[in-house]
Amino acid sequence: MNKPPPPPPPTSLPTTPTPPAISAKNLTVVRGPRTVLRALDFTVPPGQITGLLGPSGCGKSTLMRAVVGTQAKVTGTLDVLGRPAGHPTLRTRIGYVTQAPSVYDDLTVRQNLDYFAAVLHPGRAAAAHRRAGVTRAIADVDLTRHADSLAGRLSGGQRSRVSLAVALLGAPELLVLDEPTVGLDPVLRRDLWNLFHSLAATRGATLLISSHVMDEAERCHRLLLMREGEILADDTPAALRTRTGRDTVEAAFLHLVDEAVTAARTKEPTA
């Protein structure tokens, strides 16, 4: 008896590329006579830590406000989690931490989080969900022992962690953190970066973290290097070091700055 022909090999289904968490085209912000962001084009991949690095005043905070939808006079295209930046449906999907701690000093840590959790998930039906989220967020930032302490009596680093805990309520898909480690001691900085990597690895969160401290660049999966409202580079730390032939991201950044300055000078009209 003839054997039936073997079945054809399975065909692999075409994969749909994962859309970026953030996508910007010609993103521009003008404030008075000054152009703060200059026609930026970039993407932020999902589930990774992208570092937004550059000197103070280069436009990092303005870019972050544009991403979360609080920046005025934004032109160009800016999509966040598949929606235009500032869309109402993004409010519960994004966690945002500004440079200044956003907490009430006359409330305890837990009371602060209870308040913001009630704003995020109102109604009696969500009470159990809120309590679980508050407990988890406090533990995430290692403030369980201080949960019943007044926020006004905490150290500056602890108050910053309360703000981060507020941003973690609801397990946001995107965390936008504006210089979250400024002024913190090395141990706390290390612990926070361990938390950031855990959020990306175990919860699939996307993190956009700004800093002007170049050694933090090595902790990121990808980098956006900014100077004077422009993006000098959009790449991984290793690729930036290789591209510039430098040993550190800081040296690579300085090399790119020198290149940009030289290029600008060659474009200047001669008298």
C-alpha atoms as a PDB file:
ATOM      1  CA  MET A   1       0.000   0.000   0.000  1.00  0.00           C
ATOM      2  CA  ASN A   2       1.320   3.375  -0.980  1.00  0.00           C
ATOM      3  CA  LYS A   3       1.995   5.644   1.890  1.00  0.00           C
ATOM      4  CA  PRO A   4       0.169   8.972   1.822  1.00  0.00           C
ATOM      5  CA  PRO A   5       2.403  11.922   0.995  1.00  0.00           C
ATOM      6  CA  PRO A   6       3.826  13.705   4.009  1.00  0.00           C
ATOM      7  CA  PRO A   7       1.989  16.853   5.049  1.00  0.00           C
ATOM      8  CA  PRO A   8       3.455  20.085   3.775  1.00  0.00           C
ATOM      9  CA  PRO A   9       5.754  21.901   6.197  1.00  0.00           C
ATOM     10  CA  PRO A  10       3.966  24.442   8.339  1.00  0.00           C
ATOM     11  CA  THR A  11       4.119  27.940   6.995  1.00  0.00           C
ATOM     12  CA  SER A  12       5.001  30.694   9.380  1.00  0.00           C
ATOM     13  CA  LEU A  13       2.379  33.346   9.708  1.00  0.00           C
ATOM     14  CA  PRO A  14       3.502  36.857   8.904  1.00  0.00           C
ATOM     15  CA  THR A  15       4.284  38.805  12.025  1.00  0.00           C
ATOM     16  CA  THR A  16       2.921  42.250  12.556  1.00  0.00           C
ATOM     17  CA  PRO A  17       5.612  44.634  13.729  1.00  0.00           C
ATOM     18  CA  THR A  18       4.989  45.991  17.192  1.00  0.00           C
ATOM     19  CA  PRO A  19       4.083  49.673  16.965  1.00  0.00           C
ATOM     20  CA  PRO A  20       6.242  52.100  18.926  1.00  0.00           C
ATOM     21  CA  ALA A  21       5.047  53.361  22.293  1.00  0.00           C
ATOM     22  CA  ILE A  22       5.819  56.930  21.177  1.00  0.00           C
ATOM     23  CA  SER A  23       6.205  58.229  17.645  1.00  0.00           C
ATOM     24  CA  ALA A  24       7.067  61.839  16.749  1.00  0.00           C
ATOM     25  CA  LYS A  25       7.233  63.487  13.331  1.00  0.00           C
ATOM     26  CA  ASN A  26       8.351  67.087  12.906  1.00  0.00           C
ATOM     27  CA  LEU A  27       7.551  67.742  16.582  1.00  0.00           C
ATOM     28  CA  THR A  28       8.047  71.442  17.295  1.00  0.00           C
ATOM     29  CA  VAL A  29       7.382  73.646  20.319  1.00  0.00           C
ATOM     30  CA  VAL A  30       7.739  77.437  20.171  1.00  0.00           C
ATOM     31  CA  ARG A  31       7.641  79.476  23.360  1.00  0.00           C
ATOM     32  CA  GLY A  32       7.642  83.221  22.695  1.00  0.00           C
ATOM     33  CA  PRO A  33      10.592  84.064  20.462  1.00  0.00           C
ATOM     34  CA  ARG A  34      12.356  80.787  21.236  1.00  0.00           C
ATOM     35  CA  THR A  35      11.980  77.465  19.436  1.00  0.00           C
ATOM     36  CA  VAL A  36      12.326  74.951  22.274  1.00  0.00           C
ATOM     37  CA  LEU A  37      11.928  71.751  20.218  1.00  0.00           C
ATOM     38  CA  ARG A  38      13.098  71.796  16.627  1.00  0.00           C
ATOM     39  CA  ALA A  39      11.255  69.437  14.245  1.00  0.00           C
ATOM     40  CA  LEU A  40      12.010  66.238  16.163  1.00  0.00           C
ATOM     41  CA  ASP A  41      11.582  62.828  14.545  1.00  0.00           C
ATOM     42  CA  PHE A  42      11.966  59.807  16.818  1.00  0.00           C
ATOM     43  CA  THR A  43      10.315  56.667  18.164  1.00  0.00           C
ATOM     44  CA  VAL A  44      10.340  55.010  21.588  1.00  0.00           C
ATOM     45  CA  PRO A  45      10.110  51.186  21.498  1.00  0.00           C
ATOM     46  CA  PRO A  46       7.629  49.471  23.828  1.00  0.00           C
ATOM     47  CA  GLY A  47       8.697  47.474  26.864  1.00  0.00           C
ATOM     48  CA  GLN A  48      12.100  49.145  27.164  1.00  0.00           C
ATOM     49  CA  ILE A  49      13.827  51.931  29.064  1.00  0.00           C
ATOM     50  CA  THR A  50      14.631  54.884  26.823  1.00  0.00           C
ATOM     51  CA  GLY A  51      16.890  57.507  28.318  1.00  0.00           C
ATOM     52  CA  LEU A  52      16.389  61.135  27.351  1.00  0.00           C
ATOM     53  CA  LEU A  53      19.743  62.711  28.089  1.00  0.00           C
ATOM     54  CA  GLY A  54      21.192  66.147  27.658  1.00  0.00           C
ATOM     55  CA  PRO A  55      22.256  69.273  29.560  1.00  0.00           C
ATOM     56  CA  SER A  56      19.788  71.333  31.575  1.00  0.00           C
ATOM     57  CA  GLY A  57      17.745  73.621  29.319  1.00  0.00           C
ATOM     58  CA  CYS A  58      18.023  71.484  26.195  1.00  0.00           C
ATOM     59  CA  GLY A  59      14.267  70.778  26.047  1.00  0.00           C
ATOM     60  CA  LYS A  60      13.915  67.464  27.888  1.00  0.00           C
ATOM     61  CA  SER A  61      11.109  68.591  30.213  1.00  0.00           C
ATOM     62  CA  THR A  62       9.260  70.296  27.357  1.00  0.00           C
ATOM     63  CA  LEU A  63       9.406  67.086  25.341  1.00  0.00           C
ATOM     64  CA  MET A  64       8.062  65.077  28.268  1.00  0.00           C
ATOM     65  CA  ARG A  65       5.190  67.516  28.800  1.00  0.00           C
ATOM     66  CA  ALA A  66       4.356  67.163  25.114  1.00  0.00           C
ATOM     67  CA  VAL A  67       4.293  63.362  25.455  1.00  0.00           C
ATOM     68  CA  VAL A  68       1.862  63.440  28.405  1.00  0.00           C
ATOM     69  CA  GLY A  69      -0.287  66.103  26.727  1.00  0.00           C
ATOM     70  CA  THR A  70       0.286  69.068  29.028  1.00  0.00           C
ATOM     71  CA  GLN A  71       2.498  71.205  26.769  1.00  0.00           C
ATOM     72  CA  ALA A  72       0.925  74.101  24.857  1.00  0.00           C
ATOM     73  CA  LYS A  73       1.727  75.196  21.296  1.00  0.00           C
ATOM     74  CA  VAL A  74       2.852  71.810  20.009  1.00  0.00           C
ATOM     75  CA  THR A  75       2.948  71.292  16.244  1.00  0.00           C
ATOM     76  CA  GLY A  76       3.804  68.250  14.166  1.00  0.00           C
ATOM     77  CA  THR A  77       2.636  64.714  14.930  1.00  0.00           C
ATOM     78  CA  LEU A  78       3.019  63.006  18.292  1.00  0.00           C
ATOM     79  CA  ASP A  79       1.331  59.640  18.885  1.00  0.00           C
ATOM     80  CA  VAL A  80       1.451  57.916  22.274  1.00  0.00           C
ATOM     81  CA  LEU A  81       0.290  54.309  22.724  1.00  0.00           C
ATOM     82  CA  GLY A  82      -1.518  54.563  19.411  1.00  0.00           C
ATOM     83  CA  ARG A  83      -3.376  57.778  20.229  1.00  0.00           C
ATOM     84  CA  PRO A  84      -2.602  61.469  19.718  1.00  0.00           C
ATOM     85  CA  ALA A  85      -0.745  62.846  22.733  1.00  0.00           C
ATOM     86  CA  GLY A  86      -3.192  64.263  25.269  1.00  0.00           C
ATOM     87  CA  HIS A  87      -6.096  62.027  24.210  1.00  0.00           C
ATOM     88  CA  PRO A  88      -8.503  61.441  27.151  1.00  0.00           C
ATOM     89  CA  THR A  89      -8.114  57.652  26.972  1.00  0.00           C
ATOM     90  CA  LEU A  90      -4.409  57.966  27.775  1.00  0.00           C
ATOM     91  CA  ARG A  91      -4.955  59.420  31.249  1.00  0.00           C
ATOM     92  CA  THR A  92      -5.042  56.065  33.012  1.00  0.00           C
ATOM     93  CA  ARG A  93      -2.408  54.486  30.737  1.00  0.00           C
ATOM     94  CA  ILE A  94       0.425  56.925  31.492  1.00  0.00           C
ATOM     95  CA  GLY A  95       2.240  57.636  34.737  1.00  0.00           C
ATOM     96  CA  TYR A  96       4.064  60.964  34.933  1.00  0.00           C
ATOM     97  CA  VAL A  97       6.564  62.143  37.538  1.00  0.00           C
ATOM     98  CA  THR A  98       7.761  65.746  37.405  1.00  0.00           C
ATOM     99  CA  GLN A  99      11.032  67.000  38.869  1.00  0.00           C
ATOM    100  CA  ALA A 100       9.257  68.495  41.899  1.00  0.00           C
ATOM    101  CA  PRO A 101       7.517  65.924  44.159  1.00  0.00           C
ATOM    102  CA  SER A 102       3.737  66.062  43.671  1.00  0.00           C
ATOM    103  CA  VAL A 103       2.487  65.094  47.123  1.00  0.00           C
ATOM    104  CA  TYR A 104       0.461  66.629  49.945  1.00  0.00           C
ATOM    105  CA  ASP A 105       2.721  67.259  52.940  1.00  0.00           C
ATOM    106  CA  ASP A 106      -0.131  67.101  55.475  1.00  0.00           C
ATOM    107  CA  LEU A 107      -1.169  63.594  54.398  1.00  0.00           C
ATOM    108  CA  THR A 108       0.592  60.315  55.125  1.00  0.00           C
ATOM    109  CA  VAL A 109       2.159  58.291  52.350  1.00  0.00           C
ATOM    110  CA  ARG A 110      -0.819  55.941  52.273  1.00  0.00           C
ATOM    111  CA  GLN A 111      -3.340  58.793  52.398  1.00  0.00           C
ATOM    112  CA  ASN A 112      -1.629  60.447  49.447  1.00  0.00           C
ATOM    113  CA  LEU A 113      -1.882  57.266  47.423  1.00  0.00           C
ATOM    114  CA  ASP A 114      -5.456  56.586  48.582  1.00  0.00           C
ATOM    115  CA  TYR A 115      -6.448  60.038  47.335  1.00  0.00           C
ATOM    116  CA  PHE A 116      -4.844  59.673  43.914  1.00  0.00           C
ATOM    117  CA  ALA A 117      -6.132  56.100  43.569  1.00  0.00           C
ATOM    118  CA  ALA A 118      -9.680  57.342  44.186  1.00  0.00           C
ATOM    119  CA  VAL A 119      -9.227  59.935  41.449  1.00  0.00           C
ATOM    120  CA  LEU A 120      -7.898  57.281  39.100  1.00  0.00           C
ATOM    121  CA  HIS A 121     -10.522  54.637  39.939  1.00  0.00           C
ATOM    122  CA  PRO A 122     -13.580  56.305  41.521  1.00  0.00           C
ATOM    123  CA  GLY A 123     -16.577  54.470  42.981  1.00  0.00           C
ATOM    124  CA  ARG A 124     -17.193  51.933  45.721  1.00  0.00           C
ATOM    125  CA  ALA A 125     -16.917  48.994  43.338  1.00  0.00           C
ATOM    126  CA  ALA A 126     -13.244  49.773  42.769  1.00  0.00           C
ATOM    127  CA  ALA A 127     -12.345  50.039  46.476  1.00  0.00           C
ATOM    128  CA  ALA A 128     -10.649  46.637  46.728  1.00  0.00           C
ATOM    129  CA  HIS A 129      -8.745  47.286  43.518  1.00  0.00           C
ATOM    130  CA  ARG A 130      -7.575  50.642  44.866  1.00  0.00           C
ATOM    131  CA  ARG A 131      -6.359  49.163  48.160  1.00  0.00           C
ATOM    132  CA  ALA A 132      -4.370  46.465  46.379  1.00  0.00           C
ATOM    133  CA  GLY A 133      -2.854  49.000  43.999  1.00  0.00           C
ATOM    134  CA  VAL A 134      -1.859  51.339  46.842  1.00  0.00           C
ATOM    135  CA  THR A 135      -0.203  48.527  48.805  1.00  0.00           C
ATOM    136  CA  ARG A 136       1.686  47.336  45.733  1.00  0.00           C
ATOM    137  CA  ALA A 137       2.866  50.825  44.756  1.00  0.00           C
ATOM    138  CA  ILE A 138       4.134  51.560  48.278  1.00  0.00           C
ATOM    139  CA  ALA A 139       6.059  48.282  48.282  1.00  0.00           C
ATOM    140  CA  ASP A 140       7.460  48.960  44.802  1.00  0.00           C
ATOM    141  CA  VAL A 141       9.208  52.111  46.012  1.00  0.00           C
ATOM    142  CA  ASP A 142      10.262  50.525  49.341  1.00  0.00           C
ATOM    143  CA  LEU A 143       8.202  52.801  51.575  1.00  0.00           C
ATOM    144  CA  THR A 144       6.163  50.184  53.420  1.00  0.00           C
ATOM    145  CA  ARG A 145       7.791  51.099  56.769  1.00  0.00           C
ATOM    146  CA  HIS A 146       6.904  54.754  56.164  1.00  0.00           C
ATOM    147  CA  ALA A 147       3.361  54.206  54.874  1.00  0.00           C
ATOM    148  CA  ASP A 148       1.812  55.981  57.868  1.00  0.00           C
ATOM    149  CA  SER A 149       4.362  58.833  58.057  1.00  0.00           C
ATOM    150  CA  LEU A 150       3.394  62.349  57.009  1.00  0.00           C
ATOM    151  CA  ALA A 151       4.863  63.171  53.612  1.00  0.00           C
ATOM    152  CA  GLY A 152       6.073  66.524  54.934  1.00  0.00           C
ATOM    153  CA  ARG A 153       8.330  64.761  57.429  1.00  0.00           C
ATOM    154  CA  LEU A 154      10.048  62.561  54.859  1.00  0.00           C
ATOM    155  CA  SER A 155      13.430  63.223  53.296  1.00  0.00           C
ATOM    156  CA  GLY A 156      13.604  64.681  49.810  1.00  0.00           C
ATOM    157  CA  GLY A 157      14.431  61.293  48.317  1.00  0.00           C
ATOM    158  CA  GLN A 158      11.533  59.632  50.128  1.00  0.00           C
ATOM    159  CA  ARG A 159       9.097  62.305  48.924  1.00  0.00           C
ATOM    160  CA  SER A 160      10.328  61.703  45.372  1.00  0.00           C
ATOM    161  CA  ARG A 161       9.564  58.025  45.844  1.00  0.00           C
ATOM    162  CA  VAL A 162       6.026  58.880  46.967  1.00  0.00           C
ATOM    163  CA  SER A 163       5.549  60.740  43.674  1.00  0.00           C
ATOM    164  CA  LEU A 164       6.847  57.691  41.829  1.00  0.00           C
ATOM    165  CA  ALA A 165       4.431  55.463  43.756  1.00  0.00           C
ATOM    166  CA  VAL A 166       1.554  57.719  42.677  1.00  0.00           C
ATOM    167  CA  ALA A 167       2.653  57.304  39.057  1.00  0.00           C
ATOM    168  CA  LEU A 168       2.702  53.516  39.480  1.00  0.00           C
ATOM    169  CA  LEU A 169      -0.945  53.371  40.569  1.00  0.00           C
ATOM    170  CA  GLY A 170      -2.989  51.467  38.030  1.00  0.00           C
ATOM    171  CA  ALA A 171       0.078  49.761  36.518  1.00  0.00           C
ATOM    172  CA  PRO A 172       0.518  52.277  33.644  1.00  0.00           C
ATOM    173  CA  GLU A 173       1.760  51.078  30.272  1.00  0.00           C
ATOM    174  CA  LEU A 174       4.011  54.116  29.891  1.00  0.00           C
ATOM    175  CA  LEU A 175       6.005  55.846  32.630  1.00  0.00           C
ATOM    176  CA  VAL A 176       7.404  59.309  31.906  1.00  0.00           C
ATOM    177  CA  LEU A 177       9.916  60.228  34.592  1.00  0.00           C
ATOM    178  CA  ASP A 178      11.567  63.652  34.584  1.00  0.00           C
ATOM    179  CA  GLU A 179      14.959  63.326  36.309  1.00  0.00           C
ATOM    180  CA  PRO A 180      13.655  60.946  39.016  1.00  0.00           C
ATOM    181  CA  THR A 181      17.083  60.316  40.585  1.00  0.00           C
ATOM    182  CA  VAL A 182      18.279  63.919  41.000  1.00  0.00           C
ATOM    183  CA  GLY A 183      19.673  64.495  44.491  1.00  0.00           C
ATOM    184  CA  LEU A 184      19.391  60.856  45.545  1.00  0.00           C
ATOM    185  CA  ASP A 185      22.229  58.913  47.158  1.00  0.00           C
ATOM    186  CA  PRO A 186      23.983  56.183  45.105  1.00  0.00           C
ATOM    187  CA  VAL A 187      22.240  53.314  46.910  1.00  0.00           C
ATOM    188  CA  LEU A 188      18.767  54.711  46.298  1.00  0.00           C
ATOM    189  CA  ARG A 189      19.632  55.507  42.681  1.00  0.00           C
ATOM    190  CA  ARG A 190      20.709  51.891  42.212  1.00  0.00           C
ATOM    191  CA  ASP A 191      17.528  50.581  43.815  1.00  0.00           C
ATOM    192  CA  LEU A 192      15.327  52.797  41.642  1.00  0.00           C
ATOM    193  CA  TRP A 193      17.074  51.668  38.473  1.00  0.00           C
ATOM    194  CA  ASN A 194      16.586  48.062  39.552  1.00  0.00           C
ATOM    195  CA  LEU A 195      12.880  48.865  39.929  1.00  0.00           C
ATOM    196  CA  PHE A 196      12.770  50.501  36.483  1.00  0.00           C
ATOM    197  CA  HIS A 197      14.282  47.403  34.875  1.00  0.00           C
ATOM    198  CA  SER A 198      11.877  45.167  36.773  1.00  0.00           C
ATOM    199  CA  LEU A 199       8.896  47.195  35.518  1.00  0.00           C
ATOM    200  CA  ALA A 200      10.082  46.811  31.939  1.00  0.00           C
ATOM    201  CA  ALA A 201      11.034  43.135  32.205  1.00  0.00           C
ATOM    202  CA  THR A 202       8.185  41.725  34.306  1.00  0.00           C
ATOM    203  CA  ARG A 203       5.283  44.083  33.528  1.00  0.00           C
ATOM    204  CA  GLY A 204       6.155  45.069  29.973  1.00  0.00           C
ATOM    205  CA  ALA A 205       6.085  48.775  30.846  1.00  0.00           C
ATOM    206  CA  THR A 206       7.707  51.387  28.646  1.00  0.00           C
ATOM    207  CA  LEU A 207       9.811  53.963  30.476  1.00  0.00           C
ATOM    208  CA  LEU A 208      10.990  57.335  29.200  1.00  0.00           C
ATOM    209  CA  ILE A 209      13.472  58.687  31.751  1.00  0.00           C
ATOM    210  CA  SER A 210      15.243  62.026  31.492  1.00  0.00           C
ATOM    211  CA  SER A 211      18.583  62.791  33.092  1.00  0.00           C
ATOM    212  CA  HIS A 212      21.579  65.044  32.701  1.00  0.00           C
ATOM    213  CA  VAL A 213      23.813  62.486  34.447  1.00  0.00           C
ATOM    214  CA  MET A 214      25.590  60.620  31.686  1.00  0.00           C
ATOM    215  CA  ASP A 215      26.529  57.552  33.725  1.00  0.00           C
ATOM    216  CA  GLU A 216      22.819  56.693  33.896  1.00  0.00           C
ATOM    217  CA  ALA A 217      22.840  56.324  30.114  1.00  0.00           C
ATOM    218  CA  GLU A 218      24.509  52.944  30.446  1.00  0.00           C
ATOM    219  CA  ARG A 219      21.459  51.675  32.361  1.00  0.00           C
ATOM    220  CA  CYS A 220      19.077  52.340  29.444  1.00  0.00           C
ATOM    221  CA  HIS A 221      18.143  50.060  26.565  1.00  0.00           C
ATOM    222  CA  ARG A 222      18.045  52.999  24.168  1.00  0.00           C
ATOM    223  CA  LEU A 223      19.034  56.651  24.231  1.00  0.00           C
ATOM    224  CA  LEU A 224      17.813  59.929  22.846  1.00  0.00           C
ATOM    225  CA  LEU A 225      20.649  62.444  23.185  1.00  0.00           C
ATOM    226  CA  MET A 226      19.458  66.063  23.088  1.00  0.00           C
ATOM    227  CA  ARG A 227      21.142  69.438  22.726  1.00  0.00           C
ATOM    228  CA  GLU A 228      19.533  72.842  22.168  1.00  0.00           C
ATOM    229  CA  GLY A 229      16.125  71.425  21.239  1.00  0.00           C
ATOM    230  CA  GLU A 230      17.462  68.888  18.759  1.00  0.00           C
ATOM    231  CA  ILE A 231      18.135  65.160  18.914  1.00  0.00           C
ATOM    232  CA  LEU A 232      21.763  64.393  18.200  1.00  0.00           C
ATOM    233  CA  ALA A 233      21.392  60.614  18.351  1.00  0.00           C
ATOM    234  CA  ASP A 234      18.773  57.895  18.709  1.00  0.00           C
ATOM    235  CA  ASP A 235      20.462  54.550  19.343  1.00  0.00           C
ATOM    236  CA  THR A 236      21.588  51.995  21.904  1.00  0.00           C
ATOM    237  CA  PRO A 237      24.476  52.848  24.245  1.00  0.00           C
ATOM    238  CA  ALA A 238      26.697  50.198  22.637  1.00  0.00           C
ATOM    239  CA  ALA A 239      25.926  51.416  19.117  1.00  0.00           C
ATOM    240  CA  LEU A 240      26.698  55.008  20.090  1.00  0.00           C
ATOM    241  CA  ARG A 241      30.059  54.011  21.539  1.00  0.00           C
ATOM    242  CA  THR A 242      30.892  51.999  18.444  1.00  0.00           C
ATOM    243  CA  ARG A 243      29.727  54.692  16.043  1.00  0.00           C
ATOM    244  CA  THR A 244      31.842  57.387  17.670  1.00  0.00           C
ATOM    245  CA  GLY A 245      34.788  55.196  18.648  1.00  0.00           C
ATOM    246  CA  ARG A 246      34.502  56.276  22.272  1.00  0.00           C
ATOM    247  CA  ASP A 247      34.620  54.221  25.464  1.00  0.00           C
ATOM    248  CA  THR A 248      31.686  55.855  27.277  1.00  0.00           C
ATOM    249  CA  VAL A 249      28.349  57.379  26.358  1.00  0.00           C
ATOM    250  CA  GLU A 250      29.499  60.684  27.849  1.00  0.00           C
ATOM    251  CA  ALA A 251      32.513  60.761  25.539  1.00  0.00           C
ATOM    252  CA  ALA A 252      30.267  59.764  22.623  1.00  0.00           C
ATOM    253  CA  PHE A 253      27.851  62.596  23.457  1.00  0.00           C
ATOM    254  CA  LEU A 254      30.665  65.166  23.606  1.00  0.00           C
ATOM    255  CA  HIS A 255      31.956  63.893  20.273  1.00  0.00           C
ATOM    256  CA  LEU A 256      28.507  64.335  18.716  1.00  0.00           C
ATOM    257  CA  VAL A 257      28.236  67.833  20.188  1.00  0.00           C
ATOM    258  CA  ASP A 258      31.587  68.771  18.632  1.00  0.00           C
ATOM    259  CA  GLU A 259      30.407  67.391  15.292  1.00  0.00           C
ATOM    260  CA  ALA A 260      27.179  69.405  15.496  1.00  0.00           C
ATOM    261  CA  VAL A 261      29.043  72.607  16.339  1.00  0.00           C
ATOM    262  CA  THR A 262      31.460  72.097  13.458  1.00  0.00           C
ATOM    263  CA  ALA A 263      28.605  71.383  11.056  1.00  0.00           C
ATOM    264  CA  ALA A 264      26.754  74.519  12.176  1.00  0.00           C
ATOM    265  CA  ARG A 265      29.834  76.670  11.648  1.00  0.00           C
ATOM    266  CA  THR A 266      30.312  75.417   8.107  1.00  0.00           C
ATOM    267  CA  LYS A 267      26.747  76.445   7.284  1.00  0.00           C
ATOM    268  CA  GLU A 268      27.181  79.989   8.545  1.00  0.00           C
ATOM    269  CA  PRO A 269      27.340  82.544   5.730  1.00  0.00           C
ATOM    270  CA  THR A 270      30.730  84.161   5.310  1.00  0.00           C
ATOM    271  CA  ALA A 271      30.932  87.917   5.531  1.00  0.00           C
END
